[in-house]
Amino acid sequence: MIRNYILIAFRQLVRQKVYSVINIAGLAVGIAGCILILLFVVDELSFDRYHEKEARIYRLSAAVTSNGRTDRLAQTPGMWGPELQETFPEVEKSVRIYRYRSDIIVANPASDDRFYESNFFWADPAVLEIFTFPLIAGNPAQALAQPNSLVISRAMAAKYFGEHNPVGQTLTYTNQGTVFNLQV
């Protein structure tokens, strides 16, 4: 029975070649479009799912209108976080994260090694209370409690300190002639 259906379909494809090509091309484009949309949606929904409180984390954005055109920005003034926390009791905690946009020099004073870094972020101490980042060493409650304290990734720890324990070590951060000593 199925063999008969396949044979009839094949004969129709051969007999009406132009319509068959149009139908198959349309079907292929439709399936490819659905797959692309599915991949996009899966990718968008996969971000930050590892955070324990991900259902309670929100990001503020701003809509700026200029010359009749509205742009949505994924950044807001730094004062909004603390102000919203004071004004609205629903806001339990806020954190400000700022990506430093120019290259900086990070040095290990113990070894005189210098590294140029482009991915450098400033954050409030609450960043480790709101977001779930697994720490290899150290206490999350104390990691950013002091000014000029620093949290680094496993790759950065290996890069700066090799096999040595980075907790309690000092890195020197230099930018535009200003030098800061940062405690890991």
C-alpha atoms as a PDB file:
ATOM      1  CA  MET A   1       0.000   0.000   0.000  1.00  0.00           C
ATOM      2  CA  ILE A   2       2.696   2.483   1.001  1.00  0.00           C
ATOM      3  CA  ARG A   3       4.730   1.356  -2.007  1.00  0.00           C
ATOM      4  CA  ASN A   4       1.782   2.314  -4.217  1.00  0.00           C
ATOM      5  CA  TYR A   5       1.551   5.816  -2.641  1.00  0.00           C
ATOM      6  CA  ILE A   6       5.261   6.399  -3.137  1.00  0.00           C
ATOM      7  CA  LEU A   7       5.024   5.282  -6.771  1.00  0.00           C
ATOM      8  CA  ILE A   8       2.093   7.651  -7.452  1.00  0.00           C
ATOM      9  CA  ALA A   9       3.919  10.562  -5.771  1.00  0.00           C
ATOM     10  CA  PHE A  10       7.067   9.901  -7.802  1.00  0.00           C
ATOM     11  CA  ARG A  11       5.066   9.811 -11.065  1.00  0.00           C
ATOM     12  CA  GLN A  12       3.441  13.164 -10.216  1.00  0.00           C
ATOM     13  CA  LEU A  13       6.844  14.685  -9.444  1.00  0.00           C
ATOM     14  CA  VAL A  14       8.209  13.513 -12.795  1.00  0.00           C
ATOM     15  CA  ARG A  15       5.126  14.560 -14.754  1.00  0.00           C
ATOM     16  CA  GLN A  16       4.871  18.103 -13.296  1.00  0.00           C
ATOM     17  CA  LYS A  17       8.511  19.084 -12.836  1.00  0.00           C
ATOM     18  CA  VAL A  18       8.086  22.870 -12.497  1.00  0.00           C
ATOM     19  CA  TYR A  19       5.382  22.630  -9.844  1.00  0.00           C
ATOM     20  CA  SER A  20       7.351  19.925  -8.047  1.00  0.00           C
ATOM     21  CA  VAL A  21      10.473  22.101  -7.889  1.00  0.00           C
ATOM     22  CA  ILE A  22       8.437  25.080  -6.631  1.00  0.00           C
ATOM     23  CA  ASN A  23       6.712  22.965  -3.958  1.00  0.00           C
ATOM     24  CA  ILE A  24       9.916  21.266  -2.786  1.00  0.00           C
ATOM     25  CA  ALA A  25      11.809  24.585  -2.709  1.00  0.00           C
ATOM     26  CA  GLY A  26       9.008  26.212  -0.710  1.00  0.00           C
ATOM     27  CA  LEU A  27       8.933  23.298   1.708  1.00  0.00           C
ATOM     28  CA  ALA A  28      12.728  23.457   2.124  1.00  0.00           C
ATOM     29  CA  VAL A  29      12.682  27.228   2.754  1.00  0.00           C
ATOM     30  CA  GLY A  30       9.838  26.839   5.261  1.00  0.00           C
ATOM     31  CA  ILE A  31      11.578  24.062   7.181  1.00  0.00           C
ATOM     32  CA  ALA A  32      14.887  25.978   7.153  1.00  0.00           C
ATOM     33  CA  GLY A  33      13.125  29.099   8.454  1.00  0.00           C
ATOM     34  CA  CYS A  34      11.452  27.139  11.253  1.00  0.00           C
ATOM     35  CA  ILE A  35      14.769  25.564  12.250  1.00  0.00           C
ATOM     36  CA  LEU A  36      16.485  28.984  12.320  1.00  0.00           C
ATOM     37  CA  ILE A  37      13.713  30.485  14.447  1.00  0.00           C
ATOM     38  CA  LEU A  38      13.845  27.486  16.796  1.00  0.00           C
ATOM     39  CA  LEU A  39      17.635  27.807  17.156  1.00  0.00           C
ATOM     40  CA  PHE A  40      17.307  31.534  17.891  1.00  0.00           C
ATOM     41  CA  VAL A  41      14.616  30.983  20.539  1.00  0.00           C
ATOM     42  CA  VAL A  42      16.564  28.163  22.210  1.00  0.00           C
ATOM     43  CA  ASP A  43      19.685  30.339  22.273  1.00  0.00           C
ATOM     44  CA  GLU A  44      17.831  33.321  23.749  1.00  0.00           C
ATOM     45  CA  LEU A  45      16.189  31.198  26.437  1.00  0.00           C
ATOM     46  CA  SER A  46      19.460  29.522  27.444  1.00  0.00           C
ATOM     47  CA  PHE A  47      21.163  32.583  28.960  1.00  0.00           C
ATOM     48  CA  ASP A  48      21.744  32.771  32.703  1.00  0.00           C
ATOM     49  CA  ARG A  49      19.759  29.650  33.565  1.00  0.00           C
ATOM     50  CA  TYR A  50      22.457  28.551  36.018  1.00  0.00           C
ATOM     51  CA  HIS A  51      21.676  31.336  38.505  1.00  0.00           C
ATOM     52  CA  GLU A  52      19.738  30.048  41.517  1.00  0.00           C
ATOM     53  CA  LYS A  53      17.535  33.163  41.651  1.00  0.00           C
ATOM     54  CA  GLU A  54      17.156  33.618  37.889  1.00  0.00           C
ATOM     55  CA  ALA A  55      13.375  34.000  38.114  1.00  0.00           C
ATOM     56  CA  ARG A  56      13.821  36.997  40.447  1.00  0.00           C
ATOM     57  CA  ILE A  57      16.596  38.768  38.527  1.00  0.00           C
ATOM     58  CA  TYR A  58      15.614  41.665  36.281  1.00  0.00           C
ATOM     59  CA  ARG A  59      17.648  43.991  34.124  1.00  0.00           C
ATOM     60  CA  LEU A  60      16.743  47.633  33.705  1.00  0.00           C
ATOM     61  CA  SER A  61      16.838  49.173  30.279  1.00  0.00           C
ATOM     62  CA  ALA A  62      16.233  52.708  29.113  1.00  0.00           C
ATOM     63  CA  ALA A  63      14.317  54.052  26.122  1.00  0.00           C
ATOM     64  CA  VAL A  64      15.963  57.193  24.763  1.00  0.00           C
ATOM     65  CA  THR A  65      14.125  59.315  22.188  1.00  0.00           C
ATOM     66  CA  SER A  66      16.170  61.640  20.028  1.00  0.00           C
ATOM     67  CA  ASN A  67      15.118  63.284  16.745  1.00  0.00           C
ATOM     68  CA  GLY A  68      11.878  61.310  16.729  1.00  0.00           C
ATOM     69  CA  ARG A  69      13.710  57.976  16.966  1.00  0.00           C
ATOM     70  CA  THR A  70      13.521  55.782  20.080  1.00  0.00           C
ATOM     71  CA  ASP A  71      16.463  53.586  20.979  1.00  0.00           C
ATOM     72  CA  ARG A  72      16.383  50.962  23.703  1.00  0.00           C
ATOM     73  CA  LEU A  73      19.591  50.781  25.688  1.00  0.00           C
ATOM     74  CA  ALA A  74      20.653  47.962  27.992  1.00  0.00           C
ATOM     75  CA  GLN A  75      22.221  50.464  30.351  1.00  0.00           C
ATOM     76  CA  THR A  76      20.911  52.971  32.838  1.00  0.00           C
ATOM     77  CA  PRO A  77      22.430  55.653  35.066  1.00  0.00           C
ATOM     78  CA  GLY A  78      24.302  54.178  38.022  1.00  0.00           C
ATOM     79  CA  MET A  79      22.199  56.001  40.606  1.00  0.00           C
ATOM     80  CA  TRP A  80      19.008  54.180  39.593  1.00  0.00           C
ATOM     81  CA  GLY A  81      19.824  50.945  41.440  1.00  0.00           C
ATOM     82  CA  PRO A  82      20.197  52.377  44.953  1.00  0.00           C
ATOM     83  CA  GLU A  83      17.371  54.873  44.349  1.00  0.00           C
ATOM     84  CA  LEU A  84      14.942  52.156  43.226  1.00  0.00           C
ATOM     85  CA  GLN A  85      15.934  50.043  46.208  1.00  0.00           C
ATOM     86  CA  GLU A  86      15.126  52.927  48.580  1.00  0.00           C
ATOM     87  CA  THR A  87      11.909  53.968  46.822  1.00  0.00           C
ATOM     88  CA  PHE A  88      10.315  50.581  46.138  1.00  0.00           C
ATOM     89  CA  PRO A  89      10.234  47.945  48.890  1.00  0.00           C
ATOM     90  CA  GLU A  90       9.723  45.265  46.222  1.00  0.00           C
ATOM     91  CA  VAL A  91      13.321  45.768  45.084  1.00  0.00           C
ATOM     92  CA  GLU A  92      15.237  43.533  47.484  1.00  0.00           C
ATOM     93  CA  LYS A  93      18.751  44.188  46.184  1.00  0.00           C
ATOM     94  CA  SER A  94      20.373  45.991  43.311  1.00  0.00           C
ATOM     95  CA  VAL A  95      23.747  45.713  41.678  1.00  0.00           C
ATOM     96  CA  ARG A  96      25.528  47.997  39.270  1.00  0.00           C
ATOM     97  CA  ILE A  97      27.864  46.411  36.745  1.00  0.00           C
ATOM     98  CA  TYR A  98      30.047  48.583  34.577  1.00  0.00           C
ATOM     99  CA  ARG A  99      32.188  47.249  31.773  1.00  0.00           C
ATOM    100  CA  TYR A 100      35.397  49.185  31.413  1.00  0.00           C
ATOM    101  CA  ARG A 101      35.700  49.821  27.679  1.00  0.00           C
ATOM    102  CA  SER A 102      39.417  50.397  27.199  1.00  0.00           C
ATOM    103  CA  ASP A 103      42.397  48.122  27.670  1.00  0.00           C
ATOM    104  CA  ILE A 104      44.107  48.149  31.033  1.00  0.00           C
ATOM    105  CA  ILE A 105      47.417  46.838  32.319  1.00  0.00           C
ATOM    106  CA  VAL A 106      47.285  44.296  35.132  1.00  0.00           C
ATOM    107  CA  ALA A 107      50.560  43.384  36.826  1.00  0.00           C
ATOM    108  CA  ASN A 108      51.543  40.816  39.405  1.00  0.00           C
ATOM    109  CA  PRO A 109      53.976  42.629  41.737  1.00  0.00           C
ATOM    110  CA  ALA A 110      55.401  39.333  42.990  1.00  0.00           C
ATOM    111  CA  SER A 111      56.572  38.248  39.534  1.00  0.00           C
ATOM    112  CA  ASP A 112      56.695  41.565  37.616  1.00  0.00           C
ATOM    113  CA  ASP A 113      54.504  40.023  34.895  1.00  0.00           C
ATOM    114  CA  ARG A 114      52.280  42.474  32.985  1.00  0.00           C
ATOM    115  CA  PHE A 115      49.081  41.603  31.149  1.00  0.00           C
ATOM    116  CA  TYR A 116      46.823  43.685  28.920  1.00  0.00           C
ATOM    117  CA  GLU A 117      43.166  43.034  29.624  1.00  0.00           C
ATOM    118  CA  SER A 118      40.119  44.223  27.714  1.00  0.00           C
ATOM    119  CA  ASN A 119      37.309  42.496  29.658  1.00  0.00           C
ATOM    120  CA  PHE A 120      37.276  44.251  32.997  1.00  0.00           C
ATOM    121  CA  PHE A 121      34.107  44.893  35.026  1.00  0.00           C
ATOM    122  CA  TRP A 122      33.372  47.002  38.077  1.00  0.00           C
ATOM    123  CA  ALA A 123      30.511  45.745  40.264  1.00  0.00           C
ATOM    124  CA  ASP A 124      28.858  46.354  43.608  1.00  0.00           C
ATOM    125  CA  PRO A 125      29.515  43.772  46.351  1.00  0.00           C
ATOM    126  CA  ALA A 126      25.921  42.503  45.977  1.00  0.00           C
ATOM    127  CA  VAL A 127      26.809  40.957  42.607  1.00  0.00           C
ATOM    128  CA  LEU A 128      27.771  37.695  44.344  1.00  0.00           C
ATOM    129  CA  GLU A 129      24.533  37.698  46.369  1.00  0.00           C
ATOM    130  CA  ILE A 130      22.295  38.181  43.333  1.00  0.00           C
ATOM    131  CA  PHE A 131      24.122  36.101  40.736  1.00  0.00           C
ATOM    132  CA  THR A 132      25.322  32.552  41.300  1.00  0.00           C
ATOM    133  CA  PHE A 133      28.950  32.350  40.273  1.00  0.00           C
ATOM    134  CA  PRO A 134      30.711  29.269  41.615  1.00  0.00           C
ATOM    135  CA  LEU A 135      33.825  30.355  43.490  1.00  0.00           C
ATOM    136  CA  ILE A 136      36.807  28.036  43.450  1.00  0.00           C
ATOM    137  CA  ALA A 137      38.275  29.550  46.598  1.00  0.00           C
ATOM    138  CA  GLY A 138      37.234  32.208  49.059  1.00  0.00           C
ATOM    139  CA  ASN A 139      34.012  33.245  50.742  1.00  0.00           C
ATOM    140  CA  PRO A 140      31.327  34.844  48.517  1.00  0.00           C
ATOM    141  CA  ALA A 141      30.103  36.999  51.422  1.00  0.00           C
ATOM    142  CA  GLN A 142      33.584  38.496  51.916  1.00  0.00           C
ATOM    143  CA  ALA A 143      34.875  38.455  48.320  1.00  0.00           C
ATOM    144  CA  LEU A 144      33.955  42.051  47.457  1.00  0.00           C
ATOM    145  CA  ALA A 145      33.354  43.427  50.956  1.00  0.00           C
ATOM    146  CA  GLN A 146      36.427  45.678  50.973  1.00  0.00           C
ATOM    147  CA  PRO A 147      37.214  48.485  48.519  1.00  0.00           C
ATOM    148  CA  ASN A 148      39.772  47.527  45.867  1.00  0.00           C
ATOM    149  CA  SER A 149      38.926  43.837  46.170  1.00  0.00           C
ATOM    150  CA  LEU A 150      38.798  41.649  43.103  1.00  0.00           C
ATOM    151  CA  VAL A 151      37.230  38.374  41.947  1.00  0.00           C
ATOM    152  CA  ILE A 152      38.946  36.597  39.069  1.00  0.00           C
ATOM    153  CA  SER A 153      38.100  33.540  37.009  1.00  0.00           C
ATOM    154  CA  ARG A 154      39.992  30.258  37.138  1.00  0.00           C
ATOM    155  CA  ALA A 155      41.676  31.097  33.819  1.00  0.00           C
ATOM    156  CA  MET A 156      42.777  34.508  35.109  1.00  0.00           C
ATOM    157  CA  ALA A 157      44.089  32.951  38.345  1.00  0.00           C
ATOM    158  CA  ALA A 158      46.191  30.501  36.332  1.00  0.00           C
ATOM    159  CA  LYS A 159      47.382  33.299  34.059  1.00  0.00           C
ATOM    160  CA  TYR A 160      48.419  35.656  36.871  1.00  0.00           C
ATOM    161  CA  PHE A 161      49.526  33.261  39.617  1.00  0.00           C
ATOM    162  CA  GLY A 162      50.158  29.888  37.973  1.00  0.00           C
ATOM    163  CA  GLU A 163      49.561  27.044  40.431  1.00  0.00           C
ATOM    164  CA  HIS A 164      49.644  29.281  43.543  1.00  0.00           C
ATOM    165  CA  ASN A 165      46.494  30.080  45.522  1.00  0.00           C
ATOM    166  CA  PRO A 166      45.320  33.538  44.361  1.00  0.00           C
ATOM    167  CA  VAL A 167      43.258  34.351  47.480  1.00  0.00           C
ATOM    168  CA  GLY A 168      44.894  37.189  49.388  1.00  0.00           C
ATOM    169  CA  GLN A 169      47.331  38.011  46.579  1.00  0.00           C
ATOM    170  CA  THR A 170      47.686  41.522  45.156  1.00  0.00           C
ATOM    171  CA  LEU A 171      47.375  42.669  41.558  1.00  0.00           C
ATOM    172  CA  THR A 172      48.287  46.130  40.346  1.00  0.00           C
ATOM    173  CA  TYR A 173      45.893  47.801  37.936  1.00  0.00           C
ATOM    174  CA  THR A 174      47.202  50.719  35.879  1.00  0.00           C
ATOM    175  CA  ASN A 175      45.078  52.942  33.680  1.00  0.00           C
ATOM    176  CA  GLN A 176      46.015  56.339  32.290  1.00  0.00           C
ATOM    177  CA  GLY A 177      48.809  56.738  34.826  1.00  0.00           C
ATOM    178  CA  THR A 178      46.676  55.873  37.858  1.00  0.00           C
ATOM    179  CA  VAL A 179      47.791  52.811  39.843  1.00  0.00           C
ATOM    180  CA  PHE A 180      45.487  50.749  42.095  1.00  0.00           C
ATOM    181  CA  ASN A 181      46.449  47.781  44.251  1.00  0.00           C
ATOM    182  CA  LEU A 182      43.682  45.187  44.114  1.00  0.00           C
ATOM    183  CA  GLN A 183      43.307  42.348  46.611  1.00  0.00           C
ATOM    184  CA  VAL A 184      42.181  39.015  45.132  1.00  0.00           C
END
